[in-house]
Amino acid sequence: MHKKKRIVVTGMGTINAIANNIPEFVRALGEGSCGIGEIDLFDTTGYRCRKGGQIRNFLPRSFIPEEFPLKRMSRADLLAFAATLEALRDAGLYPLPEAMKEDMGVAIGGGSGGLLEGESFYSDLLQKGNGKAHFSRLSSVYCASSTDRIATFLGLLGPKITLMTACSSGATVLGYGRDLICNGQASIMLAGGTEPMCRITYSSFNALKSLDPDVCRPFDRHRGGLSLGEAAAVMVLEPLDGALARGARIYGEILGYGVTCDAHHMTSPDEQASGAIRSMEAALKDSGLGPEDIDYINAHGTATAVNDAMESMAIREVFGRRAYAVPVSSTKSMTAHTLGASGALEGIVSLLALAHGFMPPTINYRDPDPRCDLDYITEGARPAALRAVLSNSFAFGGNNTTVIFGKYPNGSADHG
């Protein structure tokens, strides 16, 4: 049997509600920072909920050099490109060597794309008429725009893919990117997710009464729903031998992943947790690990009544008695739920936990729920020498993805 290539992460970049870069993110996670507050990106007058994990004071030119034109780029594009450039710098690959571009690819997960700009366009169209509405603002409205911009600006000639599996999109592309390298279709992959806040998405969740008017409280008895957020998160994936050959810093490995579908309901997960169970089992099988090898679980943990109980059930089923010995946390309590970007963002959380030796907390937790009876790390970050971390992403439509990350023996990180 052909031996599977070992794929490692050598660079990461993010911008989210609690951090503008990776060093800030490490500190914010360790401190249990909360990025959920009043939204001013658009008018929420009359909404049941008016809070979310908004990125504040985003100035694109603080992240993107003058050589790259910003015209007609959506907020999703700008966030994704900012995170991509940080990831490349972090990996020691910026400016990008010409020789690498031929078979270097990009895979980005998302959902809303440029809808924020599309909404503004249609508002102008309705209020001012055709003569005042700028149709060029629609050029980046589609979800694939961010992937296209990254590939075009950087001159990447390898695979280019945009995946939209709702809240698991950012996790799914990590596994897909790994597979493209393992199958010899790319030498290096940029993989991640981007998701801006927009009126349509926010209004939809508000109408479903899925949003907590205050802050989300994952696994708490009185949890009242999720908090919506926005983020971009991108990783540089490459084969271990290539990373070692160029002396790259290694955050960790992508050991395995699993993808399943509930085939149950458009918005509600299967309360018997069948898809979540099979997703975690598939990831363990792909990684060659057993439940006893997992040291920490970064949960999907949205703070909705059904999801948190379902995920806790799934963990108990997969891990058996060991479920009560494996610490779990939901970092959505800090960043809010960043939808299509969340799987990639929480992948970065998982790798930072491995590299820096700590498990981030679940904040805002007050009262235990009998249905959620695991160790949810509610008293601040914990130091831990981690070997393997499992990260869950469970989406609308029952699109489930689990990714397992492992510590590379000689890996190190120097972000303080």
Protein backbone atom coordinates (compact mmCIF):
# COMPACT_ATOMS: atom_id res chain seq x y z
CA MET A 1 0.00 0.00 0.00
CA HIS A 2 1.25 3.47 -0.88
CA LYS A 3 2.18 5.39 2.25
CA LYS A 4 0.13 8.54 2.74
CA LYS A 5 2.06 11.80 2.75
CA ARG A 6 2.27 13.66 6.02
CA ILE A 7 0.77 17.14 5.59
CA VAL A 8 1.76 19.89 7.98
CA VAL A 9 0.72 23.49 8.64
CA THR A 10 3.57 25.97 8.32
CA GLY A 11 1.74 29.30 8.27
CA MET A 12 -1.49 30.77 9.60
CA GLY A 13 -3.36 34.05 9.35
CA THR A 14 -6.58 35.36 10.83
CA ILE A 15 -8.66 38.41 11.52
CA ASN A 16 -11.66 38.02 13.79
CA ALA A 17 -13.61 39.72 16.55
CA ILE A 18 -10.90 39.23 19.20
CA ALA A 19 -7.72 39.52 17.13
CA ASN A 20 -6.23 41.10 14.01
CA ASN A 21 -3.45 38.53 13.65
CA ILE A 22 -2.09 35.28 15.05
CA PRO A 23 -0.03 36.73 17.94
CA GLU A 24 -3.07 38.69 19.15
CA PHE A 25 -5.21 35.58 18.76
CA VAL A 26 -2.91 33.50 20.99
CA ARG A 27 -3.14 36.10 23.75
CA ALA A 28 -6.91 36.61 23.41
CA LEU A 29 -7.60 32.87 23.56
CA GLY A 30 -5.43 32.50 26.63
CA GLU A 31 -7.14 35.42 28.34
CA GLY A 32 -10.68 34.31 27.47
CA SER A 33 -11.49 37.53 25.63
CA CYS A 34 -15.04 38.16 24.42
CA GLY A 35 -15.55 39.81 21.02
CA ILE A 36 -19.35 39.87 21.17
CA GLY A 37 -20.89 43.33 21.36
CA GLU A 38 -23.27 45.78 19.71
CA ILE A 39 -23.24 45.68 15.89
CA ASP A 40 -22.78 48.88 13.91
CA LEU A 41 -21.86 47.41 10.52
CA PHE A 42 -25.53 47.76 9.55
CA ASP A 43 -28.74 48.90 11.20
CA THR A 44 -30.28 46.35 13.58
CA THR A 45 -33.14 48.55 14.77
CA GLY A 46 -36.16 46.42 15.63
CA TYR A 47 -34.25 43.13 15.74
CA ARG A 48 -34.65 40.73 18.64
CA CYS A 49 -30.86 40.56 18.88
CA ARG A 50 -28.47 43.44 18.14
CA LYS A 51 -25.15 41.88 19.13
CA GLY A 52 -22.49 39.86 17.34
CA GLY A 53 -18.80 39.20 16.89
CA GLN A 54 -18.03 42.10 14.56
CA ILE A 55 -14.50 42.97 13.42
CA ARG A 56 -14.02 46.56 14.55
CA ASN A 57 -12.27 49.36 12.69
CA PHE A 58 -11.16 47.18 9.78
CA LEU A 59 -8.76 49.23 7.64
CA PRO A 60 -7.78 47.08 4.64
CA ARG A 61 -4.59 49.01 3.85
CA SER A 62 -3.28 48.16 7.30
CA PHE A 63 -3.12 44.53 6.12
CA ILE A 64 -2.82 44.67 2.32
CA PRO A 65 0.12 46.39 0.53
CA GLU A 66 -0.45 49.15 -2.03
CA GLU A 67 0.61 46.84 -4.87
CA PHE A 68 -2.75 45.06 -4.64
CA PRO A 69 -5.82 47.01 -5.86
CA LEU A 70 -8.75 47.05 -3.44
CA LYS A 71 -11.32 48.33 -5.94
CA ARG A 72 -14.41 46.13 -6.26
CA MET A 73 -13.27 43.78 -3.50
CA SER A 74 -15.97 42.82 -1.02
CA ARG A 75 -15.50 42.69 2.74
CA ALA A 76 -15.23 38.90 2.40
CA ASP A 77 -12.47 39.29 -0.21
CA LEU A 78 -10.54 41.82 1.86
CA LEU A 79 -10.70 39.74 5.03
CA ALA A 80 -9.64 36.60 3.17
CA PHE A 81 -6.75 38.30 1.40
CA ALA A 82 -5.53 39.90 4.64
CA ALA A 83 -5.49 36.49 6.35
CA THR A 84 -3.81 34.89 3.33
CA LEU A 85 -0.96 37.41 3.29
CA GLU A 86 -0.38 36.91 7.01
CA ALA A 87 -0.31 33.13 6.54
CA LEU A 88 2.24 33.42 3.72
CA ARG A 89 4.45 35.77 5.75
CA ASP A 90 4.12 33.45 8.73
CA ALA A 91 5.27 30.53 6.56
CA GLY A 92 8.23 32.49 5.17
CA LEU A 93 6.68 32.44 1.69
CA TYR A 94 6.03 36.13 1.05
CA PRO A 95 6.91 37.43 -1.45
CA LEU A 96 5.91 34.14 -3.01
CA PRO A 97 8.71 32.53 -5.06
CA GLU A 98 7.79 32.27 -8.74
CA ALA A 99 8.80 28.62 -8.87
CA MET A 100 6.12 27.71 -6.33
CA LYS A 101 3.19 29.26 -8.18
CA GLU A 102 2.77 26.63 -10.90
CA ASP A 103 1.32 23.93 -8.68
CA MET A 104 0.29 25.90 -5.60
CA GLY A 105 -3.46 25.99 -5.03
CA VAL A 106 -6.09 27.71 -2.96
CA ALA A 107 -9.27 26.37 -1.35
CA ILE A 108 -11.57 28.73 0.54
CA GLY A 109 -14.82 27.96 2.35
CA GLY A 110 -17.52 30.53 2.84
CA GLY A 111 -21.17 31.38 2.69
CA SER A 112 -22.22 35.01 2.51
CA GLY A 113 -19.54 36.11 0.06
CA GLY A 114 -20.14 39.71 -1.03
CA LEU A 115 -23.76 39.88 0.05
CA LEU A 116 -23.05 42.89 2.28
CA GLU A 117 -22.07 44.88 -0.81
CA GLY A 118 -24.94 43.38 -2.77
CA GLU A 119 -27.38 44.55 -0.12
CA SER A 120 -25.98 48.08 -0.29
CA PHE A 121 -26.26 48.06 -4.07
CA TYR A 122 -29.92 47.05 -4.04
CA SER A 123 -30.64 49.63 -1.36
CA ASP A 124 -29.17 52.31 -3.63
CA LEU A 125 -31.07 50.92 -6.60
CA LEU A 126 -34.40 51.09 -4.79
CA GLN A 127 -33.79 54.51 -3.28
CA LYS A 128 -31.91 56.30 -6.06
CA GLY A 129 -32.69 54.43 -9.27
CA ASN A 130 -30.44 52.98 -11.98
CA GLY A 131 -28.52 56.19 -12.53
CA LYS A 132 -27.07 56.25 -9.02
CA ALA A 133 -26.56 52.53 -8.33
CA HIS A 134 -23.08 51.27 -9.20
CA PHE A 135 -23.50 47.85 -10.83
CA SER A 136 -19.75 47.20 -10.49
CA ARG A 137 -20.37 46.58 -6.79
CA LEU A 138 -21.97 43.28 -7.77
CA SER A 139 -18.74 41.96 -9.30
CA SER A 140 -17.66 40.34 -6.03
CA VAL A 141 -21.03 39.29 -4.67
CA TYR A 142 -20.61 35.60 -5.45
CA CYS A 143 -19.10 33.26 -2.85
CA ALA A 144 -16.17 32.21 -5.06
CA SER A 145 -14.91 35.78 -5.45
CA SER A 146 -12.47 35.55 -2.54
CA THR A 147 -10.81 32.42 -3.92
CA ASP A 148 -10.59 34.02 -7.34
CA ARG A 149 -9.00 37.18 -5.96
CA ILE A 150 -6.35 35.28 -4.02
CA ALA A 151 -5.43 33.08 -6.98
CA THR A 152 -5.31 36.03 -9.39
CA PHE A 153 -3.38 38.44 -7.18
CA LEU A 154 -0.79 35.82 -6.23
CA GLY A 155 -0.61 34.20 -9.68
CA LEU A 156 -1.42 30.71 -8.41
CA LEU A 157 -1.79 28.15 -11.20
CA GLY A 158 -2.68 25.08 -9.14
CA PRO A 159 -6.14 23.92 -8.04
CA LYS A 160 -8.65 26.63 -7.17
CA ILE A 161 -11.81 25.64 -5.32
CA THR A 162 -14.55 27.27 -3.27
CA LEU A 163 -16.59 25.04 -0.98
CA MET A 164 -19.88 25.97 0.62
CA THR A 165 -21.06 23.42 3.19
CA ALA A 166 -22.52 26.10 5.48
CA CYS A 167 -20.92 26.17 8.94
CA SER A 168 -18.50 23.34 8.13
CA SER A 169 -17.08 24.97 4.98
CA GLY A 170 -13.84 26.18 6.58
CA ALA A 171 -13.13 22.74 8.01
CA THR A 172 -14.02 20.82 4.85
CA VAL A 173 -11.47 22.75 2.76
CA LEU A 174 -8.69 21.75 5.17
CA GLY A 175 -9.31 18.09 4.47
CA TYR A 176 -9.78 18.72 0.77
CA GLY A 177 -6.57 20.74 0.60
CA ARG A 178 -4.71 17.94 2.35
CA ASP A 179 -6.09 15.43 -0.14
CA LEU A 180 -5.00 17.51 -3.16
CA ILE A 181 -1.42 17.51 -1.89
CA CYS A 182 -1.52 13.80 -0.99
CA ASN A 183 -2.84 12.99 -4.47
CA GLY A 184 -0.06 14.97 -6.15
CA GLN A 185 -2.38 17.61 -7.61
CA ALA A 186 -0.77 20.45 -5.65
CA SER A 187 2.57 21.00 -3.94
CA ILE A 188 1.28 23.55 -1.42
CA MET A 189 -2.26 24.65 -0.59
CA LEU A 190 -3.69 27.80 0.91
CA ALA A 191 -6.80 26.61 2.74
CA GLY A 192 -9.26 28.42 4.97
CA GLY A 193 -12.50 30.31 5.20
CA THR A 194 -13.97 33.80 5.08
CA GLU A 195 -17.31 35.08 6.32
CA PRO A 196 -18.43 38.70 6.73
CA MET A 197 -21.52 39.75 8.60
CA CYS A 198 -24.42 40.83 6.41
CA ARG A 199 -28.05 41.77 6.79
CA ILE A 200 -29.54 38.72 5.06
CA THR A 201 -27.72 36.19 7.23
CA TYR A 202 -28.25 38.15 10.43
CA SER A 203 -31.93 38.72 9.69
CA SER A 204 -32.44 35.04 8.89
CA PHE A 205 -30.96 33.80 12.16
CA ASN A 206 -32.84 36.54 14.00
CA ALA A 207 -36.12 35.43 12.40
CA LEU A 208 -35.40 31.82 13.41
CA LYS A 209 -34.94 33.09 17.00
CA SER A 210 -31.59 31.31 16.99
CA LEU A 211 -29.64 34.31 18.34
CA ASP A 212 -29.03 35.08 22.00
CA PRO A 213 -29.87 38.76 22.62
CA ASP A 214 -26.96 38.92 25.09
CA VAL A 215 -23.91 36.67 24.52
CA CYS A 216 -23.85 33.00 23.62
CA ARG A 217 -23.29 30.52 26.47
CA PRO A 218 -22.28 27.15 25.03
CA PHE A 219 -23.31 24.10 27.07
CA ASP A 220 -24.97 26.25 29.76
CA ARG A 221 -28.38 25.13 31.06
CA HIS A 222 -29.91 28.49 30.14
CA ARG A 223 -28.19 28.97 26.79
CA GLY A 224 -30.35 31.08 24.51
CA GLY A 225 -28.84 30.64 21.07
CA LEU A 226 -25.75 31.51 19.12
CA SER A 227 -23.98 34.81 18.53
CA LEU A 228 -23.15 35.53 14.89
CA GLY A 229 -19.67 36.73 14.00
CA GLU A 230 -17.29 37.32 11.13
CA ALA A 231 -13.75 36.22 10.44
CA ALA A 232 -11.19 35.05 7.94
CA ALA A 233 -8.74 32.25 8.69
CA VAL A 234 -6.18 30.77 6.28
CA MET A 235 -3.46 28.12 6.62
CA VAL A 236 -0.48 27.10 4.51
CA LEU A 237 -0.49 23.31 4.02
CA GLU A 238 2.52 21.46 2.65
CA PRO A 239 4.16 18.03 2.75
CA LEU A 240 6.35 17.37 5.76
CA ASP A 241 9.42 16.61 3.66
CA GLY A 242 9.11 19.91 1.80
CA ALA A 243 8.64 21.86 5.02
CA LEU A 244 11.71 20.24 6.55
CA ALA A 245 13.75 20.83 3.40
CA ARG A 246 13.14 24.58 3.54
CA GLY A 247 13.51 24.80 7.31
CA ALA A 248 9.93 25.90 7.93
CA ARG A 249 8.38 26.22 11.36
CA ILE A 250 5.73 23.53 11.83
CA TYR A 251 2.62 24.16 13.90
CA GLY A 252 1.30 20.64 13.57
CA GLU A 253 -0.07 18.02 11.21
CA ILE A 254 -3.47 17.38 9.69
CA LEU A 255 -3.78 13.77 10.77
CA GLY A 256 -7.23 12.99 9.43
CA TYR A 257 -10.72 14.21 8.73
CA GLY A 258 -14.24 12.90 8.28
CA VAL A 259 -17.24 14.24 6.37
CA THR A 260 -20.82 13.01 6.77
CA CYS A 261 -24.41 14.11 6.25
CA ASP A 262 -27.37 13.76 8.63
CA ALA A 263 -29.94 13.64 5.78
CA HIS A 264 -32.37 14.82 8.42
CA HIS A 265 -33.45 18.50 8.42
CA MET A 266 -32.46 21.80 6.83
CA THR A 267 -31.68 23.66 10.05
CA SER A 268 -31.93 21.20 12.95
CA PRO A 269 -29.31 18.50 13.63
CA ASP A 270 -30.31 14.89 14.09
CA GLU A 271 -30.95 14.72 17.83
CA GLN A 272 -29.68 11.13 17.84
CA ALA A 273 -26.33 12.53 16.68
CA SER A 274 -25.83 9.93 13.95
CA GLY A 275 -24.00 12.26 11.55
CA ALA A 276 -21.80 13.76 14.23
CA ILE A 277 -20.87 10.32 15.54
CA ARG A 278 -19.97 9.04 12.09
CA SER A 279 -17.98 12.21 11.33
CA MET A 280 -15.79 11.79 14.40
CA GLU A 281 -15.42 8.05 13.79
CA ALA A 282 -14.40 8.69 10.17
CA ALA A 283 -11.79 11.25 11.25
CA LEU A 284 -10.35 8.86 13.83
CA LYS A 285 -10.18 6.08 11.26
CA ASP A 286 -8.51 8.35 8.70
CA SER A 287 -5.95 9.48 11.27
CA GLY A 288 -5.19 6.00 12.55
CA LEU A 289 -5.92 7.17 16.10
CA GLY A 290 -8.31 5.94 18.74
CA PRO A 291 -10.37 7.90 21.29
CA GLU A 292 -7.60 7.34 23.84
CA ASP A 293 -5.21 9.42 21.69
CA ILE A 294 -7.29 12.62 21.69
CA ASP A 295 -6.29 15.10 24.39
CA TYR A 296 -8.69 17.99 23.71
CA ILE A 297 -11.86 18.59 21.69
CA ASN A 298 -12.63 21.96 20.15
CA ALA A 299 -16.38 21.61 19.95
CA HIS A 300 -18.79 23.04 17.42
CA GLY A 301 -20.60 24.33 20.51
CA THR A 302 -23.01 26.90 19.07
CA ALA A 303 -25.00 27.45 22.32
CA THR A 304 -28.29 26.36 20.79
CA ALA A 305 -30.32 23.96 22.92
CA VAL A 306 -30.36 21.07 20.45
CA ASN A 307 -26.83 21.36 19.03
CA ASP A 308 -24.97 21.36 22.35
CA ALA A 309 -26.94 18.41 23.72
CA MET A 310 -26.48 16.52 20.45
CA GLU A 311 -22.72 17.13 20.32
CA SER A 312 -22.30 16.09 23.95
CA MET A 313 -24.20 12.89 23.19
CA ALA A 314 -22.02 12.23 20.15
CA ILE A 315 -18.82 12.67 22.16
CA ARG A 316 -20.10 10.26 24.83
CA GLU A 317 -20.97 7.71 22.16
CA VAL A 318 -17.61 7.91 20.35
CA PHE A 319 -15.36 8.22 23.39
CA GLY A 320 -17.25 6.01 25.83
CA ARG A 321 -16.04 6.29 29.44
CA ARG A 322 -13.12 8.40 28.27
CA ALA A 323 -15.52 11.16 27.23
CA TYR A 324 -15.44 12.50 30.78
CA ALA A 325 -11.63 12.66 30.78
CA VAL A 326 -11.21 14.65 27.55
CA PRO A 327 -11.51 18.44 28.06
CA VAL A 328 -13.90 20.20 25.67
CA SER A 329 -14.36 23.88 24.88
CA SER A 330 -16.30 26.09 22.50
CA THR A 331 -14.28 29.09 21.40
CA LYS A 332 -17.40 30.47 19.70
CA SER A 333 -18.12 31.87 23.16
CA MET A 334 -15.26 34.30 22.41
CA THR A 335 -15.26 34.79 18.63
CA ALA A 336 -18.99 34.19 18.05
CA HIS A 337 -20.08 31.78 15.31
CA THR A 338 -18.28 32.75 12.12
CA LEU A 339 -20.26 30.31 9.94
CA GLY A 340 -18.28 29.44 6.77
CA ALA A 341 -15.01 30.57 8.37
CA SER A 342 -15.55 28.85 11.72
CA GLY A 343 -14.03 25.46 10.85
CA ALA A 344 -10.80 27.07 9.64
CA LEU A 345 -10.73 29.51 12.56
CA GLU A 346 -11.17 26.69 15.06
CA GLY A 347 -8.56 24.70 13.17
CA ILE A 348 -6.16 27.55 13.93
CA VAL A 349 -7.31 27.45 17.57
CA SER A 350 -6.51 23.73 17.65
CA LEU A 351 -3.05 24.20 16.18
CA LEU A 352 -2.25 27.08 18.53
CA ALA A 353 -3.33 24.88 21.44
CA LEU A 354 -0.91 22.20 20.27
CA ALA A 355 1.95 24.61 19.59
CA HIS A 356 1.58 26.71 22.76
CA GLY A 357 0.51 24.00 25.18
CA PHE A 358 -2.85 25.25 26.42
CA MET A 359 -6.57 24.61 26.06
CA PRO A 360 -8.74 27.74 25.61
CA PRO A 361 -11.84 28.17 27.76
CA THR A 362 -15.57 28.23 27.20
CA ILE A 363 -16.51 31.66 28.56
CA ASN A 364 -19.95 32.94 29.67
CA TYR A 365 -20.78 29.53 31.19
CA ARG A 366 -22.77 29.72 34.46
CA ASP A 367 -25.09 26.77 35.13
CA PRO A 368 -24.53 23.08 34.28
CA ASP A 369 -26.99 21.30 32.01
CA PRO A 370 -27.62 17.61 32.86
CA ARG A 371 -27.67 16.83 29.13
CA CYS A 372 -24.25 18.45 28.74
CA ASP A 373 -22.19 16.75 31.42
CA LEU A 374 -18.62 16.81 30.04
CA ASP A 375 -15.56 18.82 31.07
CA TYR A 376 -16.13 22.10 29.20
CA ILE A 377 -13.12 24.12 30.51
CA THR A 378 -15.12 26.91 32.09
CA GLU A 379 -12.60 28.36 34.57
CA GLY A 380 -10.07 29.90 32.20
CA ALA A 381 -7.44 28.45 29.88
CA ARG A 382 -5.60 25.33 31.05
CA PRO A 383 -1.95 24.49 30.40
CA ALA A 384 -1.61 21.11 28.73
CA ALA A 385 0.96 19.11 26.79
CA LEU A 386 -1.27 18.10 23.88
CA ARG A 387 -0.60 15.40 21.31
CA ALA A 388 -3.79 15.41 19.26
CA VAL A 389 -6.80 17.74 19.04
CA LEU A 390 -10.17 16.94 17.47
CA SER A 391 -12.19 19.84 16.02
CA ASN A 392 -15.88 19.52 15.13
CA SER A 393 -17.88 21.58 12.64
CA PHE A 394 -21.57 20.68 12.24
CA ALA A 395 -23.60 22.70 9.75
CA PHE A 396 -27.11 23.42 8.57
CA GLY A 397 -28.34 20.66 6.30
CA GLY A 398 -26.49 18.14 8.46
CA ASN A 399 -23.11 18.82 6.81
CA ASN A 400 -20.63 17.47 9.36
CA THR A 401 -16.85 17.73 9.26
CA THR A 402 -14.34 16.65 11.89
CA VAL A 403 -10.62 17.40 11.56
CA ILE A 404 -7.87 15.94 13.76
CA PHE A 405 -4.63 17.85 14.25
CA GLY A 406 -1.45 16.42 15.72
CA LYS A 407 1.62 17.96 17.30
CA TYR A 408 4.73 17.54 15.21
CA PRO A 409 7.51 16.23 17.52
CA ASN A 410 9.89 19.06 16.72
CA GLY A 411 7.25 21.71 16.15
CA SER A 412 7.57 25.06 17.82
CA ALA A 413 5.95 28.46 17.86
CA ASP A 414 7.28 31.84 18.86
CA HIS A 415 4.25 34.11 18.96
CA GLY A 416 4.61 34.74 22.70
